[in-house]
Amino acid sequence: MEPETPQETRRQDKFHQDLVELKEKLLALAHLAEQAIDTSVAAFLKRDRDAARGVIAGDKAINDLEEAIDGECVRLIALFQPVAIDLRQVMAVDHIVAELERIGDQATNIAEETMALEQTPPRPFHPELSQMAKDVQKMLRQSLQAFLNRDPALARRICKDDTLVDDLDQTITQELLRDMTGEPAAVPACQSQINVVRNLERVGDHATNIAEQVVYMVEGESIRHRCQG
């Protein structure tokens, strides 16, 4: 194998510099998405309409940054034609930013439920709703930590945690449906909580998808559709 020419070395150095900057943009997007979920959940539990409005207004920044990063991924692949782990890193970033953008959408949906609460009589929240939110927020933080540390072992643990979130989703939803059947006046408030639970479950799915990308990026193995196995 012939040694790289100075031009090839400079080209490779430029690619890796651009890749570092790309990951920094991803982390900025991750911060926005994390903050949006944290704020939307807190706003719902506190019935804080002002905070909810802030989440809804902030979704545009998440969308814009996702589009910019996606364009940068396309540029890097077209310009440098990376292979092996370099290509997997760019592809992982592109997939992860799409998951983060969807998490921003889920945060907006939860914030919109907060706005709807004004139309419903005050009612206690399901006792497990707050715990489910904490579990999902932890999954998201850990999936991003796995990406930062290139940690496939942590990523695989996140995949297993998604089963617990799915179980909570089913339990809370069934109990809220039972409450709705026994007390028709509770229907609007219970339905709003079910909508939040569904969005939280989807955030858990997105965190799992990010974890799958970490495994693919580091090991070159696709574990999609069998992450929990």
C-alpha atoms as a PDB file:
ATOM      1  CA  MET A   1       0.000   0.000   0.000  1.00  0.00           C
ATOM      2  CA  GLU A   2       1.445   3.319  -1.123  1.00  0.00           C
ATOM      3  CA  PRO A   3       1.798   6.114   1.475  1.00  0.00           C
ATOM      4  CA  GLU A   4      -0.582   9.060   1.267  1.00  0.00           C
ATOM      5  CA  THR A   5       0.509  12.083  -0.691  1.00  0.00           C
ATOM      6  CA  PRO A   6       0.622  15.466   1.091  1.00  0.00           C
ATOM      7  CA  GLN A   7      -2.530  16.447  -0.794  1.00  0.00           C
ATOM      8  CA  GLU A   8      -4.344  13.302   0.361  1.00  0.00           C
ATOM      9  CA  THR A   9      -3.219  13.935   3.947  1.00  0.00           C
ATOM     10  CA  ARG A  10      -4.529  17.505   3.834  1.00  0.00           C
ATOM     11  CA  ARG A  11      -7.794  16.256   2.368  1.00  0.00           C
ATOM     12  CA  GLN A  12      -8.163  13.680   5.147  1.00  0.00           C
ATOM     13  CA  ASP A  13      -7.327  16.269   7.804  1.00  0.00           C
ATOM     14  CA  LYS A  14      -9.935  18.631   6.373  1.00  0.00           C
ATOM     15  CA  PHE A  15     -12.553  15.875   6.433  1.00  0.00           C
ATOM     16  CA  HIS A  16     -11.900  15.079  10.085  1.00  0.00           C
ATOM     17  CA  GLN A  17     -11.961  18.781  11.002  1.00  0.00           C
ATOM     18  CA  ASP A  18     -15.332  19.135   9.269  1.00  0.00           C
ATOM     19  CA  LEU A  19     -16.543  15.975  11.016  1.00  0.00           C
ATOM     20  CA  VAL A  20     -15.651  17.425  14.423  1.00  0.00           C
ATOM     21  CA  GLU A  21     -17.602  20.583  13.589  1.00  0.00           C
ATOM     22  CA  LEU A  22     -20.515  18.448  12.388  1.00  0.00           C
ATOM     23  CA  LYS A  23     -20.629  16.606  15.710  1.00  0.00           C
ATOM     24  CA  GLU A  24     -20.538  19.923  17.563  1.00  0.00           C
ATOM     25  CA  LYS A  25     -23.630  21.014  15.648  1.00  0.00           C
ATOM     26  CA  LEU A  26     -25.281  17.705  16.504  1.00  0.00           C
ATOM     27  CA  LEU A  27     -24.606  18.330  20.186  1.00  0.00           C
ATOM     28  CA  ALA A  28     -26.147  21.785  19.891  1.00  0.00           C
ATOM     29  CA  LEU A  29     -29.256  20.210  18.371  1.00  0.00           C
ATOM     30  CA  ALA A  30     -29.278  17.534  21.085  1.00  0.00           C
ATOM     31  CA  HIS A  31     -29.224  20.258  23.739  1.00  0.00           C
ATOM     32  CA  LEU A  32     -32.222  21.974  22.148  1.00  0.00           C
ATOM     33  CA  ALA A  33     -34.176  18.711  21.880  1.00  0.00           C
ATOM     34  CA  GLU A  34     -33.357  17.666  25.451  1.00  0.00           C
ATOM     35  CA  GLN A  35     -34.327  21.075  26.759  1.00  0.00           C
ATOM     36  CA  ALA A  36     -37.576  21.005  24.783  1.00  0.00           C
ATOM     37  CA  ILE A  37     -38.612  17.649  26.264  1.00  0.00           C
ATOM     38  CA  ASP A  38     -37.630  18.637  29.800  1.00  0.00           C
ATOM     39  CA  THR A  39     -39.513  21.934  29.556  1.00  0.00           C
ATOM     40  CA  SER A  40     -42.602  20.475  27.889  1.00  0.00           C
ATOM     41  CA  VAL A  41     -42.980  17.763  30.545  1.00  0.00           C
ATOM     42  CA  ALA A  42     -42.486  20.256  33.385  1.00  0.00           C
ATOM     43  CA  ALA A  43     -44.959  22.643  31.744  1.00  0.00           C
ATOM     44  CA  PHE A  44     -47.589  19.913  31.480  1.00  0.00           C
ATOM     45  CA  LEU A  45     -47.211  18.762  35.069  1.00  0.00           C
ATOM     46  CA  LYS A  46     -47.317  22.369  36.326  1.00  0.00           C
ATOM     47  CA  ARG A  47     -49.960  23.533  33.823  1.00  0.00           C
ATOM     48  CA  ASP A  48     -47.526  26.265  32.784  1.00  0.00           C
ATOM     49  CA  ARG A  49     -48.885  27.704  29.552  1.00  0.00           C
ATOM     50  CA  ASP A  50     -46.100  30.272  29.161  1.00  0.00           C
ATOM     51  CA  ALA A  51     -43.414  27.568  29.253  1.00  0.00           C
ATOM     52  CA  ALA A  52     -45.453  25.493  26.815  1.00  0.00           C
ATOM     53  CA  ARG A  53     -45.633  28.422  24.396  1.00  0.00           C
ATOM     54  CA  GLY A  54     -41.850  28.712  24.589  1.00  0.00           C
ATOM     55  CA  VAL A  55     -41.450  25.068  23.561  1.00  0.00           C
ATOM     56  CA  ILE A  56     -43.804  25.480  20.620  1.00  0.00           C
ATOM     57  CA  ALA A  57     -42.017  28.638  19.460  1.00  0.00           C
ATOM     58  CA  GLY A  58     -38.620  26.967  19.827  1.00  0.00           C
ATOM     59  CA  ASP A  59     -39.445  24.094  17.481  1.00  0.00           C
ATOM     60  CA  LYS A  60     -38.444  26.175  14.447  1.00  0.00           C
ATOM     61  CA  ALA A  61     -34.855  26.455  15.704  1.00  0.00           C
ATOM     62  CA  ILE A  62     -34.713  22.665  16.036  1.00  0.00           C
ATOM     63  CA  ASN A  63     -36.087  22.165  12.524  1.00  0.00           C
ATOM     64  CA  ASP A  64     -33.715  24.707  10.999  1.00  0.00           C
ATOM     65  CA  LEU A  65     -30.642  23.216  12.653  1.00  0.00           C
ATOM     66  CA  GLU A  66     -31.647  19.685  11.642  1.00  0.00           C
ATOM     67  CA  GLU A  67     -31.950  20.792   8.014  1.00  0.00           C
ATOM     68  CA  ALA A  68     -28.559  22.519   8.146  1.00  0.00           C
ATOM     69  CA  ILE A  69     -26.831  19.444   9.596  1.00  0.00           C
ATOM     70  CA  ASP A  70     -28.504  17.147   7.073  1.00  0.00           C
ATOM     71  CA  GLY A  71     -27.211  19.365   4.263  1.00  0.00           C
ATOM     72  CA  GLU A  72     -23.730  19.277   5.751  1.00  0.00           C
ATOM     73  CA  CYS A  73     -23.798  15.473   5.883  1.00  0.00           C
ATOM     74  CA  VAL A  74     -24.694  15.337   2.200  1.00  0.00           C
ATOM     75  CA  ARG A  75     -21.868  17.779   1.425  1.00  0.00           C
ATOM     76  CA  LEU A  76     -19.270  15.752   3.314  1.00  0.00           C
ATOM     77  CA  ILE A  77     -20.225  12.508   1.606  1.00  0.00           C
ATOM     78  CA  ALA A  78     -20.247  14.099  -1.861  1.00  0.00           C
ATOM     79  CA  LEU A  79     -16.999  16.010  -1.372  1.00  0.00           C
ATOM     80  CA  PHE A  80     -14.839  13.512   0.507  1.00  0.00           C
ATOM     81  CA  GLN A  81     -16.468  10.174  -0.365  1.00  0.00           C
ATOM     82  CA  PRO A  82     -15.590   8.655   3.025  1.00  0.00           C
ATOM     83  CA  VAL A  83     -15.483   4.892   3.551  1.00  0.00           C
ATOM     84  CA  ALA A  84     -15.640   2.423   6.454  1.00  0.00           C
ATOM     85  CA  ILE A  85     -15.918   4.054   9.894  1.00  0.00           C
ATOM     86  CA  ASP A  86     -15.655   7.578   8.483  1.00  0.00           C
ATOM     87  CA  LEU A  87     -18.726   6.964   6.352  1.00  0.00           C
ATOM     88  CA  ARG A  88     -20.546   5.287   9.239  1.00  0.00           C
ATOM     89  CA  GLN A  89     -19.907   8.324  11.441  1.00  0.00           C
ATOM     90  CA  VAL A  90     -21.430  10.725   8.922  1.00  0.00           C
ATOM     91  CA  MET A  91     -24.386   8.432   8.315  1.00  0.00           C
ATOM     92  CA  ALA A  92     -24.921   8.005  12.068  1.00  0.00           C
ATOM     93  CA  VAL A  93     -24.959  11.773  12.556  1.00  0.00           C
ATOM     94  CA  ASP A  94     -27.499  12.161   9.763  1.00  0.00           C
ATOM     95  CA  HIS A  95     -29.782   9.514  11.279  1.00  0.00           C
ATOM     96  CA  ILE A  96     -29.403  10.868  14.823  1.00  0.00           C
ATOM     97  CA  VAL A  97     -30.295  14.450  13.898  1.00  0.00           C
ATOM     98  CA  ALA A  98     -33.485  13.154  12.275  1.00  0.00           C
ATOM     99  CA  GLU A  99     -34.368  11.397  15.548  1.00  0.00           C
ATOM    100  CA  LEU A 100     -33.642  14.586  17.511  1.00  0.00           C
ATOM    101  CA  GLU A 101     -35.886  16.619  15.212  1.00  0.00           C
ATOM    102  CA  ARG A 102     -38.712  14.161  15.854  1.00  0.00           C
ATOM    103  CA  ILE A 103     -38.102  14.443  19.591  1.00  0.00           C
ATOM    104  CA  GLY A 104     -38.604  18.178  19.152  1.00  0.00           C
ATOM    105  CA  ASP A 105     -41.944  17.386  17.505  1.00  0.00           C
ATOM    106  CA  GLN A 106     -42.928  15.197  20.465  1.00  0.00           C
ATOM    107  CA  ALA A 107     -42.028  18.029  22.848  1.00  0.00           C
ATOM    108  CA  THR A 108     -44.259  20.366  20.844  1.00  0.00           C
ATOM    109  CA  ASN A 109     -47.113  17.860  21.023  1.00  0.00           C
ATOM    110  CA  ILE A 110     -46.767  17.653  24.813  1.00  0.00           C
ATOM    111  CA  ALA A 111     -46.677  21.452  25.043  1.00  0.00           C
ATOM    112  CA  GLU A 112     -49.884  21.640  23.018  1.00  0.00           C
ATOM    113  CA  GLU A 113     -51.537  19.300  25.524  1.00  0.00           C
ATOM    114  CA  THR A 114     -50.595  21.807  28.221  1.00  0.00           C
ATOM    115  CA  MET A 115     -52.467  24.486  26.322  1.00  0.00           C
ATOM    116  CA  ALA A 116     -55.502  22.179  26.094  1.00  0.00           C
ATOM    117  CA  LEU A 117     -55.527  21.605  29.856  1.00  0.00           C
ATOM    118  CA  GLU A 118     -57.020  25.065  30.354  1.00  0.00           C
ATOM    119  CA  GLN A 119     -60.250  23.748  28.884  1.00  0.00           C
ATOM    120  CA  THR A 120     -60.476  20.847  31.369  1.00  0.00           C
ATOM    121  CA  PRO A 121     -61.326  20.798  35.097  1.00  0.00           C
ATOM    122  CA  PRO A 122     -58.255  20.313  37.341  1.00  0.00           C
ATOM    123  CA  ARG A 123     -57.582  16.626  37.949  1.00  0.00           C
ATOM    124  CA  PRO A 124     -54.649  14.752  39.541  1.00  0.00           C
ATOM    125  CA  PHE A 125     -52.190  13.276  37.068  1.00  0.00           C
ATOM    126  CA  HIS A 126     -51.627   9.541  36.920  1.00  0.00           C
ATOM    127  CA  PRO A 127     -49.062   8.711  39.648  1.00  0.00           C
ATOM    128  CA  GLU A 128     -46.748   6.916  37.199  1.00  0.00           C
ATOM    129  CA  LEU A 129     -46.724   9.657  34.554  1.00  0.00           C
ATOM    130  CA  SER A 130     -43.906  11.609  36.181  1.00  0.00           C
ATOM    131  CA  GLN A 131     -41.793   8.442  36.546  1.00  0.00           C
ATOM    132  CA  MET A 132     -42.299   7.525  32.908  1.00  0.00           C
ATOM    133  CA  ALA A 133     -41.141  10.992  31.895  1.00  0.00           C
ATOM    134  CA  LYS A 134     -38.008  10.615  34.036  1.00  0.00           C
ATOM    135  CA  ASP A 135     -37.239   7.202  32.519  1.00  0.00           C
ATOM    136  CA  VAL A 136     -37.576   8.549  28.986  1.00  0.00           C
ATOM    137  CA  GLN A 137     -35.472  11.631  29.742  1.00  0.00           C
ATOM    138  CA  LYS A 138     -32.769   9.346  31.185  1.00  0.00           C
ATOM    139  CA  MET A 139     -32.834   7.178  28.056  1.00  0.00           C
ATOM    140  CA  LEU A 140     -32.350  10.241  25.877  1.00  0.00           C
ATOM    141  CA  ARG A 141     -29.452  11.562  27.975  1.00  0.00           C
ATOM    142  CA  GLN A 142     -27.754   8.172  27.999  1.00  0.00           C
ATOM    143  CA  SER A 143     -28.174   7.630  24.265  1.00  0.00           C
ATOM    144  CA  LEU A 144     -26.394  10.928  23.626  1.00  0.00           C
ATOM    145  CA  GLN A 145     -23.731   9.992  26.180  1.00  0.00           C
ATOM    146  CA  ALA A 146     -23.223   6.699  24.350  1.00  0.00           C
ATOM    147  CA  PHE A 147     -22.700   8.653  21.137  1.00  0.00           C
ATOM    148  CA  LEU A 148     -20.222  11.045  22.753  1.00  0.00           C
ATOM    149  CA  ASN A 149     -18.223   8.234  24.365  1.00  0.00           C
ATOM    150  CA  ARG A 150     -18.633   5.806  21.442  1.00  0.00           C
ATOM    151  CA  ASP A 151     -20.012   3.317  23.969  1.00  0.00           C
ATOM    152  CA  PRO A 152     -21.942   0.424  22.338  1.00  0.00           C
ATOM    153  CA  ALA A 153     -22.384  -1.372  25.677  1.00  0.00           C
ATOM    154  CA  LEU A 154     -24.336   1.582  27.082  1.00  0.00           C
ATOM    155  CA  ALA A 155     -26.263   1.808  23.821  1.00  0.00           C
ATOM    156  CA  ARG A 156     -27.383  -1.807  24.154  1.00  0.00           C
ATOM    157  CA  ARG A 157     -28.557  -1.213  27.724  1.00  0.00           C
ATOM    158  CA  ILE A 158     -30.714   1.674  26.500  1.00  0.00           C
ATOM    159  CA  CYS A 159     -32.381  -0.675  24.043  1.00  0.00           C
ATOM    160  CA  LYS A 160     -33.362  -2.974  26.909  1.00  0.00           C
ATOM    161  CA  ASP A 161     -34.688  -0.033  28.959  1.00  0.00           C
ATOM    162  CA  ASP A 162     -37.176   0.725  26.192  1.00  0.00           C
ATOM    163  CA  THR A 163     -39.138  -2.383  27.203  1.00  0.00           C
ATOM    164  CA  LEU A 164     -39.776  -0.843  30.641  1.00  0.00           C
ATOM    165  CA  VAL A 165     -41.052   2.369  29.036  1.00  0.00           C
ATOM    166  CA  ASP A 166     -43.345   0.383  26.745  1.00  0.00           C
ATOM    167  CA  ASP A 167     -44.744  -1.466  29.782  1.00  0.00           C
ATOM    168  CA  LEU A 168     -45.413   1.822  31.571  1.00  0.00           C
ATOM    169  CA  ASP A 169     -47.112   3.152  28.457  1.00  0.00           C
ATOM    170  CA  GLN A 170     -49.519   0.225  28.413  1.00  0.00           C
ATOM    171  CA  THR A 171     -50.177   0.281  32.167  1.00  0.00           C
ATOM    172  CA  ILE A 172     -50.852   4.022  32.391  1.00  0.00           C
ATOM    173  CA  THR A 173     -52.996   4.067  29.260  1.00  0.00           C
ATOM    174  CA  GLN A 174     -55.147   1.144  30.393  1.00  0.00           C
ATOM    175  CA  GLU A 175     -55.717   2.686  33.822  1.00  0.00           C
ATOM    176  CA  LEU A 176     -56.627   6.060  32.337  1.00  0.00           C
ATOM    177  CA  LEU A 177     -59.043   4.400  29.919  1.00  0.00           C
ATOM    178  CA  ARG A 178     -60.650   2.641  32.872  1.00  0.00           C
ATOM    179  CA  ASP A 179     -61.024   5.984  34.660  1.00  0.00           C
ATOM    180  CA  MET A 180     -62.635   7.470  31.554  1.00  0.00           C
ATOM    181  CA  THR A 181     -65.157   4.636  31.413  1.00  0.00           C
ATOM    182  CA  GLY A 182     -66.124   5.041  35.056  1.00  0.00           C
ATOM    183  CA  GLU A 183     -66.231   8.830  35.075  1.00  0.00           C
ATOM    184  CA  PRO A 184     -67.263  10.530  31.805  1.00  0.00           C
ATOM    185  CA  ALA A 185     -66.367  13.979  33.157  1.00  0.00           C
ATOM    186  CA  ALA A 186     -62.767  12.823  33.416  1.00  0.00           C
ATOM    187  CA  VAL A 187     -62.512  12.045  29.700  1.00  0.00           C
ATOM    188  CA  PRO A 188     -60.815  15.286  28.484  1.00  0.00           C
ATOM    189  CA  ALA A 189     -58.133  15.316  31.208  1.00  0.00           C
ATOM    190  CA  CYS A 190     -57.462  11.580  30.912  1.00  0.00           C
ATOM    191  CA  GLN A 191     -57.275  11.742  27.122  1.00  0.00           C
ATOM    192  CA  SER A 192     -54.753  14.570  27.387  1.00  0.00           C
ATOM    193  CA  GLN A 193     -52.599  12.437  29.678  1.00  0.00           C
ATOM    194  CA  ILE A 194     -52.837   9.491  27.272  1.00  0.00           C
ATOM    195  CA  ASN A 195     -51.637  11.750  24.471  1.00  0.00           C
ATOM    196  CA  VAL A 196     -48.641  12.798  26.587  1.00  0.00           C
ATOM    197  CA  VAL A 197     -47.865   9.174  27.440  1.00  0.00           C
ATOM    198  CA  ARG A 198     -47.911   8.235  23.759  1.00  0.00           C
ATOM    199  CA  ASN A 199     -45.520  11.045  22.932  1.00  0.00           C
ATOM    200  CA  LEU A 200     -43.192  10.035  25.764  1.00  0.00           C
ATOM    201  CA  GLU A 201     -43.195   6.450  24.479  1.00  0.00           C
ATOM    202  CA  ARG A 202     -42.170   7.725  21.060  1.00  0.00           C
ATOM    203  CA  VAL A 203     -39.319   9.729  22.602  1.00  0.00           C
ATOM    204  CA  GLY A 204     -38.143   6.448  24.125  1.00  0.00           C
ATOM    205  CA  ASP A 205     -38.277   4.895  20.655  1.00  0.00           C
ATOM    206  CA  HIS A 206     -36.191   7.742  19.239  1.00  0.00           C
ATOM    207  CA  ALA A 207     -33.633   7.353  22.050  1.00  0.00           C
ATOM    208  CA  THR A 208     -33.470   3.649  21.196  1.00  0.00           C
ATOM    209  CA  ASN A 209     -32.922   4.481  17.531  1.00  0.00           C
ATOM    210  CA  ILE A 210     -30.044   6.780  18.506  1.00  0.00           C
ATOM    211  CA  ALA A 211     -28.548   3.935  20.555  1.00  0.00           C
ATOM    212  CA  GLU A 212     -28.813   1.618  17.548  1.00  0.00           C
ATOM    213  CA  GLN A 213     -26.905   4.149  15.464  1.00  0.00           C
ATOM    214  CA  VAL A 214     -24.127   4.220  18.071  1.00  0.00           C
ATOM    215  CA  VAL A 215     -23.678   0.444  17.777  1.00  0.00           C
ATOM    216  CA  TYR A 216     -23.637   0.693  13.994  1.00  0.00           C
ATOM    217  CA  MET A 217     -21.191   3.590  14.032  1.00  0.00           C
ATOM    218  CA  VAL A 218     -18.695   1.916  16.367  1.00  0.00           C
ATOM    219  CA  GLU A 219     -19.017  -1.754  15.439  1.00  0.00           C
ATOM    220  CA  GLY A 220     -20.439  -1.674  11.930  1.00  0.00           C
ATOM    221  CA  GLU A 221     -23.302  -3.935  13.066  1.00  0.00           C
ATOM    222  CA  SER A 222     -26.919  -3.083  12.416  1.00  0.00           C
ATOM    223  CA  ILE A 223     -29.159  -4.060  15.341  1.00  0.00           C
ATOM    224  CA  ARG A 224     -32.320  -2.414  14.069  1.00  0.00           C
ATOM    225  CA  HIS A 225     -35.501  -4.364  14.839  1.00  0.00           C
ATOM    226  CA  ARG A 226     -33.607  -6.620  17.262  1.00  0.00           C
ATOM    227  CA  CYS A 227     -32.190  -4.018  19.632  1.00  0.00           C
ATOM    228  CA  GLN A 228     -34.096  -5.374  22.607  1.00  0.00           C
ATOM    229  CA  GLY A 229     -33.199  -8.981  21.979  1.00  0.00           C
END
